[in-house]
Amino acid sequence: MDFEAHLGITKIIDAHEKKIRALNPKPTLKQLFVYLKKQEKSIQPLIKKKFGPCVSKTIFFISIARRFGFDVEAVEVKEDEDGVKYPIFQQSLVSHVCAAVKTKKGTQLVDLTRQTFPAKHREFERMSDEYLLSTAHSNRGPYLSFEKAEEELKHAIDIYPKNYEAHLNLADLYIRNKNTSKALEIINYLKLKIPKDSMLLLHLSRIYYDLGLFDDAEVAVDDSLNSFPKNEYAKTLKAALLIAKDRPHDALKHLETVADTPHSLFHKTIAHLMVGNAQKARSTVVNLFEVADNPMLKTLGKIILNKFPQYLEMARDCFDVALSKNLSDEEAFKLYDEVNKLLKNR
């Protein structure tokens, strides 16, 4: 796969090859690494295109290393040198990629993102050039407008059809744009194709949740938890599903094992309100105010306003804090004003 032509970086690679050859016509792998780790500015055009930092830096390294005859390819890190396992799930999958070079000493890892050589990652899997390039386009999709994102994600799938994360990102895109039928089309396809990968199943379960298919979501998240019982996001999503299925007591028991994050505090607040424990809901939401962003607080305020009108003061506080985080949010201002009027007319 010609990364340079595809991504339009041939001139950048040409310039660096010329500089390196002027210093040393036949650089060692270490010399190449030492030079390239100082070239952060040269990698910025790729990073600004939102291909992802580690993917961009790996493509940059591979393109130049191949100019000097190194046998190099990308690898997807499964467990890094600190024992952190990838991918990590944070609303979507977060992976880590670096380069692997075949040498007389065996395979040596070059991680420009972490500026380590040789990197000591404990477990990794080979990525084909097509998969790496597909990942770059899939990473970029969520940052674009709907039409461009759809085109970018379809392009990622065309390059490497087995990039199931790109399929999931496309389903996410359709859900955000209220195109449920197209999202379900992808989900039905993935039911047949997706491997029993716990992280892919976790992403799939969140999509089911967004579509309101709570039974399917629970099956997928339980399968994921069987493999990773300590995964914080999976446990939080399980609690969200229990709340959606009107089982707040079970959700609260589940959330006892989860660290306080914006999402866990959000769902904990709702569960406390559902069981009528206003005092615990209040103490939880105060903690949430410290860590949640404007959209999350606004969403919580709407839920309280519509489903728990007996707690209007809490809804008002949600909109108030949401406004403090984004003073230009006209919707939050209108909702804050609406709640104040309801409180006055009590």
C-alpha atoms as a PDB file:
ATOM      1  CA  MET A   1       0.000   0.000   0.000  1.00  0.00           C
ATOM      2  CA  ASP A   2       1.433   3.369  -1.025  1.00  0.00           C
ATOM      3  CA  PHE A   3       0.695   5.505   2.038  1.00  0.00           C
ATOM      4  CA  GLU A   4       2.500   8.486   0.545  1.00  0.00           C
ATOM      5  CA  ALA A   5       0.387   8.814  -2.578  1.00  0.00           C
ATOM      6  CA  HIS A   6      -2.852   7.924  -0.827  1.00  0.00           C
ATOM      7  CA  LEU A   7      -2.403  10.487   1.964  1.00  0.00           C
ATOM      8  CA  GLY A   8      -0.555  13.110  -0.075  1.00  0.00           C
ATOM      9  CA  ILE A   9       2.630  13.067   2.020  1.00  0.00           C
ATOM     10  CA  THR A  10       5.193  12.249  -0.688  1.00  0.00           C
ATOM     11  CA  LYS A  11       6.819  15.709  -0.553  1.00  0.00           C
ATOM     12  CA  ILE A  12       7.224  15.508   3.221  1.00  0.00           C
ATOM     13  CA  ILE A  13       8.789  12.047   3.000  1.00  0.00           C
ATOM     14  CA  ASP A  14      11.058  13.159   0.107  1.00  0.00           C
ATOM     15  CA  ALA A  15      12.345  16.090   2.152  1.00  0.00           C
ATOM     16  CA  HIS A  16      13.167  13.955   5.187  1.00  0.00           C
ATOM     17  CA  GLU A  17      14.809  11.251   3.121  1.00  0.00           C
ATOM     18  CA  LYS A  18      17.078  13.909   1.601  1.00  0.00           C
ATOM     19  CA  LYS A  19      18.001  15.316   5.041  1.00  0.00           C
ATOM     20  CA  ILE A  20      18.704  11.879   6.493  1.00  0.00           C
ATOM     21  CA  ARG A  21      20.857  10.771   3.545  1.00  0.00           C
ATOM     22  CA  ALA A  22      22.899  13.966   3.872  1.00  0.00           C
ATOM     23  CA  LEU A  23      23.628  12.993   7.489  1.00  0.00           C
ATOM     24  CA  ASN A  24      24.106   9.281   6.855  1.00  0.00           C
ATOM     25  CA  PRO A  25      23.335   7.449   3.589  1.00  0.00           C
ATOM     26  CA  LYS A  26      22.751   4.188   5.484  1.00  0.00           C
ATOM     27  CA  PRO A  27      21.349   5.023   8.912  1.00  0.00           C
ATOM     28  CA  THR A  28      20.864   2.343  11.533  1.00  0.00           C
ATOM     29  CA  LEU A  29      17.383   1.784  12.940  1.00  0.00           C
ATOM     30  CA  LYS A  30      18.349   3.615  16.138  1.00  0.00           C
ATOM     31  CA  GLN A  31      19.733   6.585  14.175  1.00  0.00           C
ATOM     32  CA  LEU A  32      16.523   6.743  12.156  1.00  0.00           C
ATOM     33  CA  PHE A  33      14.439   6.681  15.343  1.00  0.00           C
ATOM     34  CA  VAL A  34      16.544   9.411  17.028  1.00  0.00           C
ATOM     35  CA  TYR A  35      16.107  11.662  13.967  1.00  0.00           C
ATOM     36  CA  LEU A  36      12.388  11.025  13.464  1.00  0.00           C
ATOM     37  CA  LYS A  37      11.326  11.441  17.087  1.00  0.00           C
ATOM     38  CA  LYS A  38      12.377  15.102  16.797  1.00  0.00           C
ATOM     39  CA  GLN A  39      10.196  15.726  13.730  1.00  0.00           C
ATOM     40  CA  GLU A  40       6.886  16.424  15.491  1.00  0.00           C
ATOM     41  CA  LYS A  41       6.104  19.412  13.242  1.00  0.00           C
ATOM     42  CA  SER A  42       6.385  17.276  10.112  1.00  0.00           C
ATOM     43  CA  ILE A  43       3.779  14.851  11.431  1.00  0.00           C
ATOM     44  CA  GLN A  44       1.294  17.615  12.273  1.00  0.00           C
ATOM     45  CA  PRO A  45      -0.343  17.665   8.784  1.00  0.00           C
ATOM     46  CA  LEU A  46      -1.390  14.040   9.322  1.00  0.00           C
ATOM     47  CA  ILE A  47      -2.475  14.614  12.922  1.00  0.00           C
ATOM     48  CA  LYS A  48      -4.500  17.696  11.934  1.00  0.00           C
ATOM     49  CA  LYS A  49      -6.413  15.524   9.484  1.00  0.00           C
ATOM     50  CA  LYS A  50      -7.605  13.558  12.554  1.00  0.00           C
ATOM     51  CA  PHE A  51      -6.134  10.218  11.491  1.00  0.00           C
ATOM     52  CA  GLY A  52      -5.139   9.689  15.131  1.00  0.00           C
ATOM     53  CA  PRO A  53      -1.722  10.479  16.682  1.00  0.00           C
ATOM     54  CA  CYS A  54      -0.326   6.939  16.918  1.00  0.00           C
ATOM     55  CA  VAL A  55      -1.639   5.953  13.461  1.00  0.00           C
ATOM     56  CA  SER A  56      -0.203   9.146  11.921  1.00  0.00           C
ATOM     57  CA  LYS A  57       3.201   8.663  13.543  1.00  0.00           C
ATOM     58  CA  THR A  58       3.330   4.995  12.594  1.00  0.00           C
ATOM     59  CA  ILE A  59       2.518   5.759   8.950  1.00  0.00           C
ATOM     60  CA  PHE A  60       5.167   8.502   8.975  1.00  0.00           C
ATOM     61  CA  PHE A  61       7.824   6.154  10.378  1.00  0.00           C
ATOM     62  CA  ILE A  62       6.953   3.247   8.072  1.00  0.00           C
ATOM     63  CA  SER A  63       7.017   5.458   4.963  1.00  0.00           C
ATOM     64  CA  ILE A  64      10.507   6.775   5.716  1.00  0.00           C
ATOM     65  CA  ALA A  65      11.932   3.487   7.030  1.00  0.00           C
ATOM     66  CA  ARG A  66      10.918   1.700   3.824  1.00  0.00           C
ATOM     67  CA  ARG A  67      12.841   4.305   1.807  1.00  0.00           C
ATOM     68  CA  PHE A  68      15.966   3.005   3.544  1.00  0.00           C
ATOM     69  CA  GLY A  69      15.158  -0.645   2.919  1.00  0.00           C
ATOM     70  CA  PHE A  70      13.895  -1.619   6.354  1.00  0.00           C
ATOM     71  CA  ASP A  71      11.398  -4.500   6.535  1.00  0.00           C
ATOM     72  CA  VAL A  72       8.758  -2.720   8.581  1.00  0.00           C
ATOM     73  CA  GLU A  73       5.026  -2.998   9.181  1.00  0.00           C
ATOM     74  CA  ALA A  74       2.422  -1.764  11.654  1.00  0.00           C
ATOM     75  CA  VAL A  75       1.325  -3.701  14.712  1.00  0.00           C
ATOM     76  CA  GLU A  76      -1.698  -3.255  16.950  1.00  0.00           C
ATOM     77  CA  VAL A  77      -0.689  -3.336  20.619  1.00  0.00           C
ATOM     78  CA  LYS A  78      -2.768  -5.748  22.698  1.00  0.00           C
ATOM     79  CA  GLU A  79      -0.851  -5.262  25.958  1.00  0.00           C
ATOM     80  CA  ASP A  80       1.713  -2.508  26.452  1.00  0.00           C
ATOM     81  CA  GLU A  81       4.895  -2.477  28.519  1.00  0.00           C
ATOM     82  CA  ASP A  82       2.936  -1.383  31.616  1.00  0.00           C
ATOM     83  CA  GLY A  83       0.415  -4.206  31.349  1.00  0.00           C
ATOM     84  CA  VAL A  84      -2.387  -1.999  29.980  1.00  0.00           C
ATOM     85  CA  LYS A  85      -4.566  -4.039  27.630  1.00  0.00           C
ATOM     86  CA  TYR A  86      -5.900  -2.608  24.369  1.00  0.00           C
ATOM     87  CA  PRO A  87      -8.252  -1.695  22.907  1.00  0.00           C
ATOM     88  CA  ILE A  88      -9.750   0.394  25.694  1.00  0.00           C
ATOM     89  CA  PHE A  89     -13.412   1.310  25.428  1.00  0.00           C
ATOM     90  CA  GLN A  90     -14.347   4.950  26.163  1.00  0.00           C
ATOM     91  CA  GLN A  91     -17.606   5.540  24.287  1.00  0.00           C
ATOM     92  CA  SER A  92     -15.701   4.108  21.328  1.00  0.00           C
ATOM     93  CA  LEU A  93     -12.636   1.916  20.955  1.00  0.00           C
ATOM     94  CA  VAL A  94      -9.218   3.397  21.693  1.00  0.00           C
ATOM     95  CA  SER A  95      -6.360   1.365  20.235  1.00  0.00           C
ATOM     96  CA  HIS A  96      -2.611   1.798  20.208  1.00  0.00           C
ATOM     97  CA  VAL A  97      -0.476   1.251  17.103  1.00  0.00           C
ATOM     98  CA  CYS A  98       3.283   1.302  16.511  1.00  0.00           C
ATOM     99  CA  ALA A  99       5.830  -0.038  14.013  1.00  0.00           C
ATOM    100  CA  ALA A 100       7.602  -3.400  14.016  1.00  0.00           C
ATOM    101  CA  VAL A 101      10.932  -3.849  12.192  1.00  0.00           C
ATOM    102  CA  LYS A 102      12.458  -7.210  11.330  1.00  0.00           C
ATOM    103  CA  THR A 103      16.184  -7.168  12.167  1.00  0.00           C
ATOM    104  CA  LYS A 104      18.977  -9.681  12.761  1.00  0.00           C
ATOM    105  CA  LYS A 105      18.153  -9.374  16.467  1.00  0.00           C
ATOM    106  CA  GLY A 106      14.538 -10.301  15.783  1.00  0.00           C
ATOM    107  CA  THR A 107      11.476  -8.040  15.640  1.00  0.00           C
ATOM    108  CA  GLN A 108      12.048  -4.646  17.250  1.00  0.00           C
ATOM    109  CA  LEU A 109       9.217  -2.244  18.049  1.00  0.00           C
ATOM    110  CA  VAL A 110       9.442   1.464  17.297  1.00  0.00           C
ATOM    111  CA  ASP A 111       6.871   3.583  19.118  1.00  0.00           C
ATOM    112  CA  LEU A 112       7.168   7.194  17.943  1.00  0.00           C
ATOM    113  CA  THR A 113       4.049   8.167  19.903  1.00  0.00           C
ATOM    114  CA  ARG A 114       5.680   7.211  23.205  1.00  0.00           C
ATOM    115  CA  GLN A 115       9.168   7.950  21.852  1.00  0.00           C
ATOM    116  CA  THR A 116      10.514   4.534  22.821  1.00  0.00           C
ATOM    117  CA  PHE A 117      12.925   2.236  20.982  1.00  0.00           C
ATOM    118  CA  PRO A 118      12.984  -0.614  21.276  1.00  0.00           C
ATOM    119  CA  ALA A 119       9.498  -0.571  22.793  1.00  0.00           C
ATOM    120  CA  LYS A 120       8.799  -3.451  25.151  1.00  0.00           C
ATOM    121  CA  HIS A 121       5.099  -4.039  24.505  1.00  0.00           C
ATOM    122  CA  ARG A 122       4.127  -7.454  25.825  1.00  0.00           C
ATOM    123  CA  GLU A 123       1.637  -8.512  23.155  1.00  0.00           C
ATOM    124  CA  PHE A 124       0.888  -7.230  19.669  1.00  0.00           C
ATOM    125  CA  GLU A 125      -0.614  -8.325  16.358  1.00  0.00           C
ATOM    126  CA  ARG A 126       0.432  -7.552  12.803  1.00  0.00           C
ATOM    127  CA  MET A 127      -1.642  -5.010  10.877  1.00  0.00           C
ATOM    128  CA  SER A 128      -1.677  -5.089   7.098  1.00  0.00           C
ATOM    129  CA  ASP A 129      -1.077  -1.785   5.303  1.00  0.00           C
ATOM    130  CA  GLU A 130      -4.719  -1.872   4.220  1.00  0.00           C
ATOM    131  CA  TYR A 131      -5.935  -2.272   7.803  1.00  0.00           C
ATOM    132  CA  LEU A 132      -3.702   0.583   9.016  1.00  0.00           C
ATOM    133  CA  LEU A 133      -4.918   2.928   6.292  1.00  0.00           C
ATOM    134  CA  SER A 134      -8.521   1.891   6.893  1.00  0.00           C
ATOM    135  CA  THR A 135      -8.046   2.673  10.600  1.00  0.00           C
ATOM    136  CA  ALA A 136      -6.752   6.144   9.733  1.00  0.00           C
ATOM    137  CA  HIS A 137      -9.905   6.922   7.736  1.00  0.00           C
ATOM    138  CA  SER A 138     -12.147   5.374  10.400  1.00  0.00           C
ATOM    139  CA  ASN A 139     -10.512   7.537  13.094  1.00  0.00           C
ATOM    140  CA  ARG A 140     -11.139  10.641  11.018  1.00  0.00           C
ATOM    141  CA  GLY A 141     -14.817   9.985  10.318  1.00  0.00           C
ATOM    142  CA  PRO A 142     -16.349  11.193  13.621  1.00  0.00           C
ATOM    143  CA  TYR A 143     -14.718  14.636  13.241  1.00  0.00           C
ATOM    144  CA  LEU A 144     -16.354  15.438   9.898  1.00  0.00           C
ATOM    145  CA  SER A 145     -19.782  16.665   8.825  1.00  0.00           C
ATOM    146  CA  PHE A 146     -22.359  13.925   8.225  1.00  0.00           C
ATOM    147  CA  GLU A 147     -21.902  13.653   4.452  1.00  0.00           C
ATOM    148  CA  LYS A 148     -18.112  13.710   4.612  1.00  0.00           C
ATOM    149  CA  ALA A 149     -18.028  11.344   7.589  1.00  0.00           C
ATOM    150  CA  GLU A 150     -20.253   8.848   5.785  1.00  0.00           C
ATOM    151  CA  GLU A 151     -17.977   8.994   2.741  1.00  0.00           C
ATOM    152  CA  GLU A 152     -14.832   8.638   4.901  1.00  0.00           C
ATOM    153  CA  LEU A 153     -16.147   5.622   6.832  1.00  0.00           C
ATOM    154  CA  LYS A 154     -17.387   3.882   3.685  1.00  0.00           C
ATOM    155  CA  HIS A 155     -13.939   4.479   2.196  1.00  0.00           C
ATOM    156  CA  ALA A 156     -12.359   2.887   5.282  1.00  0.00           C
ATOM    157  CA  ILE A 157     -14.598  -0.164   4.818  1.00  0.00           C
ATOM    158  CA  ASP A 158     -13.796  -0.386   1.102  1.00  0.00           C
ATOM    159  CA  ILE A 159     -10.062  -0.403   1.871  1.00  0.00           C
ATOM    160  CA  TYR A 160     -10.384  -3.138   4.506  1.00  0.00           C
ATOM    161  CA  PRO A 161     -13.849  -4.723   4.841  1.00  0.00           C
ATOM    162  CA  LYS A 162     -12.885  -6.581   8.039  1.00  0.00           C
ATOM    163  CA  ASN A 163     -12.350  -3.311   9.912  1.00  0.00           C
ATOM    164  CA  TYR A 164     -15.445  -3.907  12.043  1.00  0.00           C
ATOM    165  CA  GLU A 165     -14.768  -0.789  14.092  1.00  0.00           C
ATOM    166  CA  ALA A 166     -15.348   1.269  10.933  1.00  0.00           C
ATOM    167  CA  HIS A 167     -18.715  -0.490  10.481  1.00  0.00           C
ATOM    168  CA  LEU A 168     -19.613   0.318  14.102  1.00  0.00           C
ATOM    169  CA  ASN A 169     -18.565   3.953  13.673  1.00  0.00           C
ATOM    170  CA  LEU A 170     -20.789   4.162  10.596  1.00  0.00           C
ATOM    171  CA  ALA A 171     -23.714   2.731  12.580  1.00  0.00           C
ATOM    172  CA  ASP A 172     -23.023   5.348  15.285  1.00  0.00           C
ATOM    173  CA  LEU A 173     -23.092   8.053  12.632  1.00  0.00           C
ATOM    174  CA  TYR A 174     -26.503   6.920  11.358  1.00  0.00           C
ATOM    175  CA  ILE A 175     -27.902   6.765  14.900  1.00  0.00           C
ATOM    176  CA  ARG A 176     -26.755  10.337  15.602  1.00  0.00           C
ATOM    177  CA  ASN A 177     -28.509  11.444  12.420  1.00  0.00           C
ATOM    178  CA  LYS A 178     -31.748   9.560  13.238  1.00  0.00           C
ATOM    179  CA  ASN A 179     -31.315   7.056  10.393  1.00  0.00           C
ATOM    180  CA  THR A 180     -32.252   3.959  12.376  1.00  0.00           C
ATOM    181  CA  SER A 181     -32.949   1.760   9.349  1.00  0.00           C
ATOM    182  CA  LYS A 182     -29.407   2.142   7.992  1.00  0.00           C
ATOM    183  CA  ALA A 183     -27.926   1.596  11.449  1.00  0.00           C
ATOM    184  CA  LEU A 184     -29.914  -1.622  11.838  1.00  0.00           C
ATOM    185  CA  GLU A 185     -28.777  -2.747   8.391  1.00  0.00           C
ATOM    186  CA  ILE A 186     -25.170  -2.560   9.597  1.00  0.00           C
ATOM    187  CA  ILE A 187     -26.005  -4.230  12.918  1.00  0.00           C
ATOM    188  CA  ASN A 188     -27.690  -7.166  11.161  1.00  0.00           C
ATOM    189  CA  TYR A 189     -24.625  -7.543   8.955  1.00  0.00           C
ATOM    190  CA  LEU A 190     -22.304  -7.458  11.972  1.00  0.00           C
ATOM    191  CA  LYS A 191     -24.361 -10.121  13.773  1.00  0.00           C
ATOM    192  CA  LEU A 192     -23.130 -12.539  11.134  1.00  0.00           C
ATOM    193  CA  LYS A 193     -19.620 -11.182  10.680  1.00  0.00           C
ATOM    194  CA  ILE A 194     -18.375  -9.767  13.975  1.00  0.00           C
ATOM    195  CA  PRO A 195     -15.912 -12.005  15.803  1.00  0.00           C
ATOM    196  CA  LYS A 196     -16.432 -12.850  19.468  1.00  0.00           C
ATOM    197  CA  ASP A 197     -14.273  -9.904  20.461  1.00  0.00           C
ATOM    198  CA  SER A 198     -15.348  -8.556  23.847  1.00  0.00           C
ATOM    199  CA  MET A 199     -14.500  -4.934  23.008  1.00  0.00           C
ATOM    200  CA  LEU A 200     -16.335  -5.023  19.692  1.00  0.00           C
ATOM    201  CA  LEU A 201     -19.282  -6.575  21.530  1.00  0.00           C
ATOM    202  CA  LEU A 202     -19.154  -3.716  24.034  1.00  0.00           C
ATOM    203  CA  HIS A 203     -19.310  -1.157  21.236  1.00  0.00           C
ATOM    204  CA  LEU A 204     -22.144  -3.137  19.682  1.00  0.00           C
ATOM    205  CA  SER A 205     -24.029  -3.198  22.994  1.00  0.00           C
ATOM    206  CA  ARG A 206     -23.846   0.592  23.244  1.00  0.00           C
ATOM    207  CA  ILE A 207     -25.308   0.888  19.742  1.00  0.00           C
ATOM    208  CA  TYR A 208     -28.139  -1.458  20.726  1.00  0.00           C
ATOM    209  CA  TYR A 209     -28.682   0.728  23.796  1.00  0.00           C
ATOM    210  CA  ASP A 210     -28.860   3.886  21.660  1.00  0.00           C
ATOM    211  CA  LEU A 211     -31.409   2.154  19.421  1.00  0.00           C
ATOM    212  CA  GLY A 212     -33.542   1.142  22.421  1.00  0.00           C
ATOM    213  CA  LEU A 213     -32.895  -2.575  21.849  1.00  0.00           C
ATOM    214  CA  PHE A 214     -32.191  -3.200  25.521  1.00  0.00           C
ATOM    215  CA  ASP A 215     -32.445  -7.013  25.518  1.00  0.00           C
ATOM    216  CA  ASP A 216     -29.914  -7.318  22.684  1.00  0.00           C
ATOM    217  CA  ALA A 217     -27.715  -4.744  24.412  1.00  0.00           C
ATOM    218  CA  GLU A 218     -27.763  -6.689  27.672  1.00  0.00           C
ATOM    219  CA  VAL A 219     -26.759  -9.945  25.960  1.00  0.00           C
ATOM    220  CA  ALA A 220     -23.827  -8.212  24.248  1.00  0.00           C
ATOM    221  CA  VAL A 221     -22.628  -6.368  27.364  1.00  0.00           C
ATOM    222  CA  ASP A 222     -22.887  -9.549  29.475  1.00  0.00           C
ATOM    223  CA  ASP A 223     -20.750 -11.406  26.911  1.00  0.00           C
ATOM    224  CA  SER A 224     -18.214  -8.596  27.125  1.00  0.00           C
ATOM    225  CA  LEU A 225     -18.226  -8.623  30.935  1.00  0.00           C
ATOM    226  CA  ASN A 226     -17.593 -12.381  30.937  1.00  0.00           C
ATOM    227  CA  SER A 227     -14.235 -11.637  29.301  1.00  0.00           C
ATOM    228  CA  PHE A 228     -13.487  -8.371  31.104  1.00  0.00           C
ATOM    229  CA  PRO A 229     -15.417  -8.382  34.414  1.00  0.00           C
ATOM    230  CA  LYS A 230     -13.532  -5.315  35.681  1.00  0.00           C
ATOM    231  CA  ASN A 231     -14.151  -3.118  32.637  1.00  0.00           C
ATOM    232  CA  GLU A 232     -15.545   0.123  34.100  1.00  0.00           C
ATOM    233  CA  TYR A 233     -17.370   1.228  30.961  1.00  0.00           C
ATOM    234  CA  ALA A 234     -19.048  -2.163  30.536  1.00  0.00           C
ATOM    235  CA  LYS A 235     -20.208  -2.131  34.158  1.00  0.00           C
ATOM    236  CA  THR A 236     -21.586   1.403  33.767  1.00  0.00           C
ATOM    237  CA  LEU A 237     -23.401   0.456  30.563  1.00  0.00           C
ATOM    238  CA  LYS A 238     -24.871  -2.575  32.323  1.00  0.00           C
ATOM    239  CA  ALA A 239     -26.224  -0.227  35.030  1.00  0.00           C
ATOM    240  CA  ALA A 240     -27.689   2.071  32.364  1.00  0.00           C
ATOM    241  CA  LEU A 241     -29.472  -0.931  30.839  1.00  0.00           C
ATOM    242  CA  LEU A 242     -30.872  -1.954  34.217  1.00  0.00           C
ATOM    243  CA  ILE A 243     -32.232   1.582  34.665  1.00  0.00           C
ATOM    244  CA  ALA A 244     -33.757   1.491  31.171  1.00  0.00           C
ATOM    245  CA  LYS A 245     -35.443  -1.805  32.113  1.00  0.00           C
ATOM    246  CA  ASP A 246     -36.878  -0.209  35.278  1.00  0.00           C
ATOM    247  CA  ARG A 247     -34.566  -2.034  37.683  1.00  0.00           C
ATOM    248  CA  PRO A 248     -32.978   0.869  39.620  1.00  0.00           C
ATOM    249  CA  HIS A 249     -32.188  -1.177  42.750  1.00  0.00           C
ATOM    250  CA  ASP A 250     -30.186  -3.661  40.663  1.00  0.00           C
ATOM    251  CA  ALA A 251     -28.495  -0.749  38.892  1.00  0.00           C
ATOM    252  CA  LEU A 252     -27.417   0.793  42.207  1.00  0.00           C
ATOM    253  CA  LYS A 253     -25.964  -2.526  43.399  1.00  0.00           C
ATOM    254  CA  HIS A 254     -24.060  -2.744  40.128  1.00  0.00           C
ATOM    255  CA  LEU A 255     -22.800   0.840  40.403  1.00  0.00           C
ATOM    256  CA  GLU A 256     -21.353   0.152  43.866  1.00  0.00           C
ATOM    257  CA  THR A 257     -18.513  -1.662  42.076  1.00  0.00           C
ATOM    258  CA  VAL A 258     -17.861   1.179  39.615  1.00  0.00           C
ATOM    259  CA  ALA A 259     -15.494   4.112  40.132  1.00  0.00           C
ATOM    260  CA  ASP A 260     -16.995   7.606  40.103  1.00  0.00           C
ATOM    261  CA  THR A 261     -16.894   8.881  36.521  1.00  0.00           C
ATOM    262  CA  PRO A 262     -19.217  11.366  34.806  1.00  0.00           C
ATOM    263  CA  HIS A 263     -21.245   8.489  33.302  1.00  0.00           C
ATOM    264  CA  SER A 264     -21.485   6.419  36.480  1.00  0.00           C
ATOM    265  CA  LEU A 265     -22.519   9.468  38.540  1.00  0.00           C
ATOM    266  CA  PHE A 266     -25.090  10.396  35.884  1.00  0.00           C
ATOM    267  CA  HIS A 267     -26.755   6.980  36.044  1.00  0.00           C
ATOM    268  CA  LYS A 268     -26.419   6.779  39.826  1.00  0.00           C
ATOM    269  CA  THR A 269     -28.324  10.073  40.158  1.00  0.00           C
ATOM    270  CA  ILE A 270     -31.177   8.783  38.012  1.00  0.00           C
ATOM    271  CA  ALA A 271     -31.328   5.467  39.895  1.00  0.00           C
ATOM    272  CA  HIS A 272     -31.529   7.256  43.255  1.00  0.00           C
ATOM    273  CA  LEU A 273     -34.347   9.432  41.927  1.00  0.00           C
ATOM    274  CA  MET A 274     -36.198   6.360  40.644  1.00  0.00           C
ATOM    275  CA  VAL A 275     -36.153   4.750  44.103  1.00  0.00           C
ATOM    276  CA  GLY A 276     -37.133   8.041  45.746  1.00  0.00           C
ATOM    277  CA  ASN A 277     -33.884   8.696  47.582  1.00  0.00           C
ATOM    278  CA  ALA A 278     -33.613  12.448  47.047  1.00  0.00           C
ATOM    279  CA  GLN A 279     -30.830  12.949  49.580  1.00  0.00           C
ATOM    280  CA  LYS A 280     -28.468  10.492  47.875  1.00  0.00           C
ATOM    281  CA  ALA A 281     -29.439  11.842  44.459  1.00  0.00           C
ATOM    282  CA  ARG A 282     -28.540  15.347  45.627  1.00  0.00           C
ATOM    283  CA  SER A 283     -25.118  14.348  47.012  1.00  0.00           C
ATOM    284  CA  THR A 284     -24.385  12.389  43.815  1.00  0.00           C
ATOM    285  CA  VAL A 285     -25.390  15.200  41.477  1.00  0.00           C
ATOM    286  CA  VAL A 286     -23.203  17.657  43.411  1.00  0.00           C
ATOM    287  CA  ASN A 287     -20.219  15.411  42.620  1.00  0.00           C
ATOM    288  CA  LEU A 288     -21.388  15.201  39.017  1.00  0.00           C
ATOM    289  CA  PHE A 289     -21.395  19.004  38.719  1.00  0.00           C
ATOM    290  CA  GLU A 290     -17.634  18.962  39.248  1.00  0.00           C
ATOM    291  CA  VAL A 291     -16.810  16.571  36.389  1.00  0.00           C
ATOM    292  CA  ALA A 292     -19.640  16.566  33.826  1.00  0.00           C
ATOM    293  CA  ASP A 293     -19.699  18.668  30.674  1.00  0.00           C
ATOM    294  CA  ASN A 294     -22.478  20.950  29.454  1.00  0.00           C
ATOM    295  CA  PRO A 295     -24.338  18.379  27.261  1.00  0.00           C
ATOM    296  CA  MET A 296     -24.447  15.742  30.018  1.00  0.00           C
ATOM    297  CA  LEU A 297     -25.796  18.177  32.620  1.00  0.00           C
ATOM    298  CA  LYS A 298     -28.361  19.490  30.180  1.00  0.00           C
ATOM    299  CA  THR A 299     -29.498  15.937  29.390  1.00  0.00           C
ATOM    300  CA  LEU A 300     -29.837  15.123  33.079  1.00  0.00           C
ATOM    301  CA  GLY A 301     -31.790  18.311  33.657  1.00  0.00           C
ATOM    302  CA  LYS A 302     -34.224  17.388  30.878  1.00  0.00           C
ATOM    303  CA  ILE A 303     -34.717  13.900  32.325  1.00  0.00           C
ATOM    304  CA  ILE A 304     -35.468  15.315  35.775  1.00  0.00           C
ATOM    305  CA  LEU A 305     -37.781  17.966  34.330  1.00  0.00           C
ATOM    306  CA  ASN A 306     -39.799  15.418  32.341  1.00  0.00           C
ATOM    307  CA  LYS A 307     -39.742  12.341  34.580  1.00  0.00           C
ATOM    308  CA  PHE A 308     -39.202  13.672  38.099  1.00  0.00           C
ATOM    309  CA  PRO A 309     -41.051  17.019  38.277  1.00  0.00           C
ATOM    310  CA  GLN A 310     -41.060  16.789  42.085  1.00  0.00           C
ATOM    311  CA  TYR A 311     -37.322  17.593  41.923  1.00  0.00           C
ATOM    312  CA  LEU A 312     -37.504  20.800  39.882  1.00  0.00           C
ATOM    313  CA  GLU A 313     -34.833  22.482  42.015  1.00  0.00           C
ATOM    314  CA  MET A 314     -32.365  19.786  40.958  1.00  0.00           C
ATOM    315  CA  ALA A 315     -33.297  20.257  37.290  1.00  0.00           C
ATOM    316  CA  ARG A 316     -32.773  24.004  37.668  1.00  0.00           C
ATOM    317  CA  ASP A 317     -29.345  23.432  39.220  1.00  0.00           C
ATOM    318  CA  CYS A 318     -28.381  21.141  36.310  1.00  0.00           C
ATOM    319  CA  PHE A 319     -29.228  23.866  33.781  1.00  0.00           C
ATOM    320  CA  ASP A 320     -27.517  26.492  35.926  1.00  0.00           C
ATOM    321  CA  VAL A 321     -24.235  24.562  36.090  1.00  0.00           C
ATOM    322  CA  ALA A 322     -24.543  23.632  32.395  1.00  0.00           C
ATOM    323  CA  LEU A 323     -24.730  27.369  31.622  1.00  0.00           C
ATOM    324  CA  SER A 324     -21.658  28.049  33.755  1.00  0.00           C
ATOM    325  CA  LYS A 325     -19.768  25.629  31.495  1.00  0.00           C
ATOM    326  CA  ASN A 326     -21.113  27.190  28.297  1.00  0.00           C
ATOM    327  CA  LEU A 327     -22.583  30.686  28.654  1.00  0.00           C
ATOM    328  CA  SER A 328     -23.625  30.795  24.984  1.00  0.00           C
ATOM    329  CA  ASP A 329     -25.947  27.764  25.274  1.00  0.00           C
ATOM    330  CA  GLU A 330     -29.333  29.284  24.426  1.00  0.00           C
ATOM    331  CA  GLU A 331     -31.220  26.032  24.969  1.00  0.00           C
ATOM    332  CA  ALA A 332     -29.868  25.681  28.519  1.00  0.00           C
ATOM    333  CA  PHE A 333     -30.835  29.290  29.238  1.00  0.00           C
ATOM    334  CA  LYS A 334     -34.407  28.708  28.001  1.00  0.00           C
ATOM    335  CA  LEU A 335     -34.718  25.521  30.062  1.00  0.00           C
ATOM    336  CA  TYR A 336     -33.372  27.288  33.153  1.00  0.00           C
ATOM    337  CA  ASP A 337     -35.940  30.048  32.651  1.00  0.00           C
ATOM    338  CA  GLU A 338     -38.729  27.487  32.105  1.00  0.00           C
ATOM    339  CA  VAL A 339     -37.938  25.666  35.354  1.00  0.00           C
ATOM    340  CA  ASN A 340     -37.820  28.927  37.315  1.00  0.00           C
ATOM    341  CA  LYS A 341     -41.304  29.803  36.040  1.00  0.00           C
ATOM    342  CA  LEU A 342     -42.604  26.377  37.064  1.00  0.00           C
ATOM    343  CA  LEU A 343     -41.117  26.826  40.536  1.00  0.00           C
ATOM    344  CA  LYS A 344     -42.760  30.230  40.933  1.00  0.00           C
ATOM    345  CA  ASN A 345     -46.171  28.823  39.905  1.00  0.00           C
ATOM    346  CA  ARG A 346     -46.090  25.976  42.404  1.00  0.00           C
END
